[in-house]
């Protein structure tokens, strides 16, 4: 269980970050999101990936639909998450368009639970598939740590994710050091790469970053 003080700091920070994101103008959001997409598409990890795990953005989140479309154009497999009820787990389902979706209790669009479209991430990795996950967050820091919405779904994913994790956020959302702010718990995990419209930050906090580098060296 997370330390109570850490939980309090996280909740306070979430409130500030959500309000700051709402205050960001729509035109500024569009410009920033276009810059983020351009940087993600230029990543070598993106270019060689065969499978992309992506969330479908809602509200003021960084737009991801453009990235999904570009993945389809490049012939990549795209899968989006569906929350397993009463757990912190997500199942990933392949999508070929934006038609076969439904609204979840969290207010996000999820894929229909079609067994023939369920993607076994671990099995794909074992078979040699190169997988990249686009990870949401209210903020990230330079070490790859993130502040999510508190559900723990992406912490669960990152704990044993056999691929490259890419956190995306606008530059204005970037935080210097979440650890120094007392907002990182013992079970919080970082991503491999953080991308804003202004910079790309390679991190070393993800448990899988060394594994990815070793695989790159064998390629």
Protein backbone atom coordinates (compact mmCIF):
# COMPACT_ATOMS: atom_id res chain seq x y z
CA UNK A 1 0.00 0.00 0.00
CA UNK A 2 1.27 3.47 -0.88
CA UNK A 3 2.47 5.83 1.86
CA UNK A 4 -0.36 8.16 2.95
CA UNK A 5 1.77 11.31 2.55
CA UNK A 6 2.69 10.33 -1.01
CA UNK A 7 -0.98 9.77 -1.81
CA UNK A 8 -1.92 13.20 -0.43
CA UNK A 9 0.83 14.91 -2.47
CA UNK A 10 -0.25 13.08 -5.60
CA UNK A 11 -3.88 14.08 -5.19
CA UNK A 12 -2.96 17.73 -4.64
CA UNK A 13 -0.70 17.70 -7.68
CA UNK A 14 -3.36 16.01 -9.83
CA UNK A 15 -5.84 18.80 -9.05
CA UNK A 16 -3.34 21.49 -10.08
CA UNK A 17 -2.29 19.65 -13.22
CA UNK A 18 -5.86 19.02 -14.37
CA UNK A 19 -6.73 22.70 -13.94
CA UNK A 20 -3.56 23.83 -15.73
CA UNK A 21 -4.36 21.51 -18.62
CA UNK A 22 -7.88 22.94 -18.90
CA UNK A 23 -6.44 26.46 -18.99
CA UNK A 24 -4.28 25.56 -21.99
CA UNK A 25 -5.89 27.13 -25.09
CA UNK A 26 -7.22 24.87 -27.85
CA UNK A 27 -4.95 26.34 -30.54
CA UNK A 28 -1.90 25.96 -28.31
CA UNK A 29 -2.93 22.37 -27.59
CA UNK A 30 -3.21 21.59 -31.29
CA UNK A 31 0.23 23.05 -32.04
CA UNK A 32 1.82 21.22 -29.14
CA UNK A 33 0.15 17.93 -30.01
CA UNK A 34 1.28 18.17 -33.63
CA UNK A 35 4.85 18.70 -32.42
CA UNK A 36 4.61 15.73 -30.07
CA UNK A 37 3.31 13.48 -32.84
CA UNK A 38 6.14 14.55 -35.14
CA UNK A 39 8.74 13.69 -32.52
CA UNK A 40 7.18 10.32 -31.72
CA UNK A 41 7.09 9.41 -35.42
CA UNK A 42 10.79 10.25 -35.71
CA UNK A 43 11.80 7.88 -32.90
CA UNK A 44 13.80 4.89 -34.10
CA UNK A 45 11.80 2.81 -31.62
CA UNK A 46 8.59 3.86 -33.35
CA UNK A 47 9.94 3.26 -36.84
CA UNK A 48 11.02 -0.30 -36.13
CA UNK A 49 8.02 -1.23 -33.98
CA UNK A 50 5.60 -3.77 -35.39
CA UNK A 51 2.95 -3.37 -32.71
CA UNK A 52 1.76 -0.10 -31.15
CA UNK A 53 -0.23 -0.06 -27.92
CA UNK A 54 -2.03 3.28 -27.66
CA UNK A 55 -4.79 4.89 -25.64
CA UNK A 56 -7.50 6.94 -27.33
CA UNK A 57 -7.29 10.47 -25.99
CA UNK A 58 -10.27 12.31 -24.51
CA UNK A 59 -10.86 15.91 -23.49
CA UNK A 60 -7.67 17.89 -22.98
CA UNK A 61 -5.33 14.89 -23.23
CA UNK A 62 -2.56 14.86 -25.83
CA UNK A 63 -4.21 13.74 -29.06
CA UNK A 64 -3.33 10.18 -30.08
CA UNK A 65 -5.62 9.54 -33.02
CA UNK A 66 -3.11 11.02 -35.44
CA UNK A 67 -0.46 8.59 -34.18
CA UNK A 68 -2.87 5.69 -34.53
CA UNK A 69 -3.64 6.67 -38.13
CA UNK A 70 0.06 6.94 -38.94
CA UNK A 71 0.63 3.50 -37.43
CA UNK A 72 -2.06 2.06 -39.70
CA UNK A 73 -0.51 3.76 -42.74
CA UNK A 74 2.84 2.20 -41.83
CA UNK A 75 1.27 -1.25 -41.62
CA UNK A 76 1.67 -1.62 -37.87
CA UNK A 77 -0.68 -3.56 -35.62
CA UNK A 78 -2.53 -1.15 -33.32
CA UNK A 79 -4.14 -2.24 -30.07
CA UNK A 80 -5.99 -0.16 -27.49
CA UNK A 81 -6.82 -1.04 -23.88
CA UNK A 82 -9.97 -2.32 -22.27
CA UNK A 83 -10.07 -2.31 -18.46
CA UNK A 84 -10.76 -5.65 -16.79
CA UNK A 85 -13.56 -4.90 -14.28
CA UNK A 86 -12.63 -4.78 -10.58
CA UNK A 87 -8.88 -5.04 -11.32
CA UNK A 88 -5.95 -2.83 -12.28
CA UNK A 89 -5.42 -4.83 -15.44
CA UNK A 90 -5.99 -3.88 -19.06
CA UNK A 91 -6.52 -6.18 -22.02
CA UNK A 92 -5.39 -5.03 -25.44
CA UNK A 93 -7.53 -5.45 -28.54
CA UNK A 94 -6.47 -4.86 -32.13
CA UNK A 95 -8.35 -2.14 -33.99
CA UNK A 96 -8.37 -1.28 -37.71
CA UNK A 97 -10.64 1.76 -37.46
CA UNK A 98 -12.45 3.91 -34.90
CA UNK A 99 -15.86 2.32 -35.46
CA UNK A 100 -15.87 -0.69 -33.13
CA UNK A 101 -15.64 1.19 -29.85
CA UNK A 102 -17.80 1.78 -26.80
CA UNK A 103 -17.74 4.28 -23.94
CA UNK A 104 -16.46 2.88 -20.64
CA UNK A 105 -17.57 3.78 -17.12
CA UNK A 106 -14.43 5.97 -16.95
CA UNK A 107 -15.66 8.00 -19.91
CA UNK A 108 -13.00 6.75 -22.33
CA UNK A 109 -13.47 4.88 -25.58
CA UNK A 110 -12.61 1.20 -25.35
CA UNK A 111 -12.55 -1.56 -27.94
CA UNK A 112 -15.34 -4.09 -28.03
CA UNK A 113 -14.40 -7.28 -26.17
CA UNK A 114 -14.01 -9.43 -29.27
CA UNK A 115 -11.97 -12.57 -28.46
CA UNK A 116 -10.56 -12.88 -31.98
CA UNK A 117 -9.03 -9.40 -31.64
CA UNK A 118 -7.46 -9.90 -28.21
CA UNK A 119 -3.68 -9.34 -28.34
CA UNK A 120 -1.41 -11.42 -26.10
CA UNK A 121 1.37 -8.89 -25.51
CA UNK A 122 3.75 -11.30 -23.77
CA UNK A 123 3.35 -13.93 -26.47
CA UNK A 124 3.93 -11.39 -29.25
CA UNK A 125 7.14 -10.28 -27.53
CA UNK A 126 8.32 -13.86 -27.08
CA UNK A 127 7.72 -14.41 -30.79
CA UNK A 128 10.06 -11.52 -31.57
CA UNK A 129 7.55 -8.77 -32.12
CA UNK A 130 8.83 -5.22 -31.52
CA UNK A 131 6.29 -3.44 -29.32
CA UNK A 132 5.93 0.24 -28.43
CA UNK A 133 3.44 1.58 -25.89
CA UNK A 134 2.21 5.17 -25.89
CA UNK A 135 1.65 6.04 -22.23
CA UNK A 136 -0.60 8.86 -20.97
CA UNK A 137 0.07 11.04 -17.95
CA UNK A 138 -0.91 14.31 -16.33
CA UNK A 139 2.82 14.96 -16.04
CA UNK A 140 6.19 13.29 -16.52
CA UNK A 141 9.62 14.22 -15.25
CA UNK A 142 13.09 13.86 -16.75
CA UNK A 143 13.57 10.49 -15.08
CA UNK A 144 10.52 9.05 -16.79
CA UNK A 145 8.32 8.99 -13.71
CA UNK A 146 4.71 9.92 -14.34
CA UNK A 147 1.61 11.12 -12.61
CA UNK A 148 -1.46 9.33 -13.90
CA UNK A 149 -5.07 9.47 -12.79
CA UNK A 150 -4.63 7.17 -9.81
CA UNK A 151 -6.07 3.95 -11.20
CA UNK A 152 -2.74 2.15 -11.34
CA UNK A 153 -3.46 0.58 -14.73
CA UNK A 154 -0.30 1.78 -16.45
CA UNK A 155 1.89 1.03 -13.43
CA UNK A 156 0.65 -2.55 -13.77
CA UNK A 157 1.44 -2.53 -17.48
CA UNK A 158 4.93 -1.08 -17.00
CA UNK A 159 5.82 -3.61 -14.31
CA UNK A 160 6.33 -6.34 -16.89
CA UNK A 161 6.11 -4.63 -20.26
CA UNK A 162 8.50 -6.27 -22.76
CA UNK A 163 8.93 -3.33 -25.10
CA UNK A 164 9.59 0.40 -25.32
CA UNK A 165 7.32 2.71 -23.32
CA UNK A 166 6.90 6.30 -24.53
CA UNK A 167 5.26 8.90 -22.30
CA UNK A 168 3.76 11.90 -24.07
CA UNK A 169 2.91 15.27 -22.56
CA UNK A 170 3.06 18.93 -23.48
CA UNK A 171 6.14 20.86 -22.41
CA UNK A 172 4.01 22.92 -20.01
CA UNK A 173 3.04 19.67 -18.26
CA UNK A 174 6.62 18.54 -17.69
CA UNK A 175 7.78 18.43 -14.05
CA UNK A 176 11.41 18.73 -12.96
CA UNK A 177 11.55 15.93 -10.42
CA UNK A 178 8.52 14.08 -9.05
CA UNK A 179 10.69 12.20 -6.57
CA UNK A 180 11.96 15.44 -5.02
CA UNK A 181 8.36 16.58 -4.75
CA UNK A 182 7.52 13.47 -2.73
CA UNK A 183 5.11 12.29 -5.42
CA UNK A 184 6.73 8.96 -6.33
CA UNK A 185 5.70 5.83 -4.46
CA UNK A 186 7.73 2.65 -4.10
CA UNK A 187 5.68 0.88 -6.77
CA UNK A 188 5.73 3.74 -9.31
CA UNK A 189 7.63 2.97 -12.49
CA UNK A 190 9.07 5.18 -15.19
CA UNK A 191 8.87 5.05 -18.97
CA UNK A 192 11.77 4.61 -21.38
CA UNK A 193 11.22 7.84 -23.31
CA UNK A 194 9.37 11.09 -22.59
CA UNK A 195 8.30 13.20 -25.56
CA UNK A 196 7.05 16.79 -25.54
CA UNK A 197 6.68 19.17 -28.47
CA UNK A 198 10.12 20.60 -27.66
CA UNK A 199 12.25 17.65 -26.64
CA UNK A 200 12.77 13.91 -26.48
CA UNK A 201 14.13 12.60 -23.18
CA UNK A 202 15.72 9.16 -22.98
CA UNK A 203 15.36 7.88 -19.42
CA UNK A 204 16.81 5.01 -17.44
CA UNK A 205 14.11 4.44 -14.82
CA UNK A 206 12.06 1.82 -16.62
CA UNK A 207 12.74 -1.77 -15.51
CA UNK A 208 12.82 -2.77 -19.16
CA UNK A 209 15.17 -0.09 -20.52
CA UNK A 210 18.27 -2.27 -20.17
CA UNK A 211 16.43 -5.17 -21.80
CA UNK A 212 15.54 -2.96 -24.76
CA UNK A 213 19.14 -1.78 -25.17
CA UNK A 214 20.39 -5.38 -25.07
CA UNK A 215 17.92 -6.37 -27.77
CA UNK A 216 19.03 -3.41 -29.88
CA UNK A 217 22.64 -4.53 -29.56
CA UNK A 218 21.70 -7.98 -30.85
CA UNK A 219 19.86 -6.61 -33.88
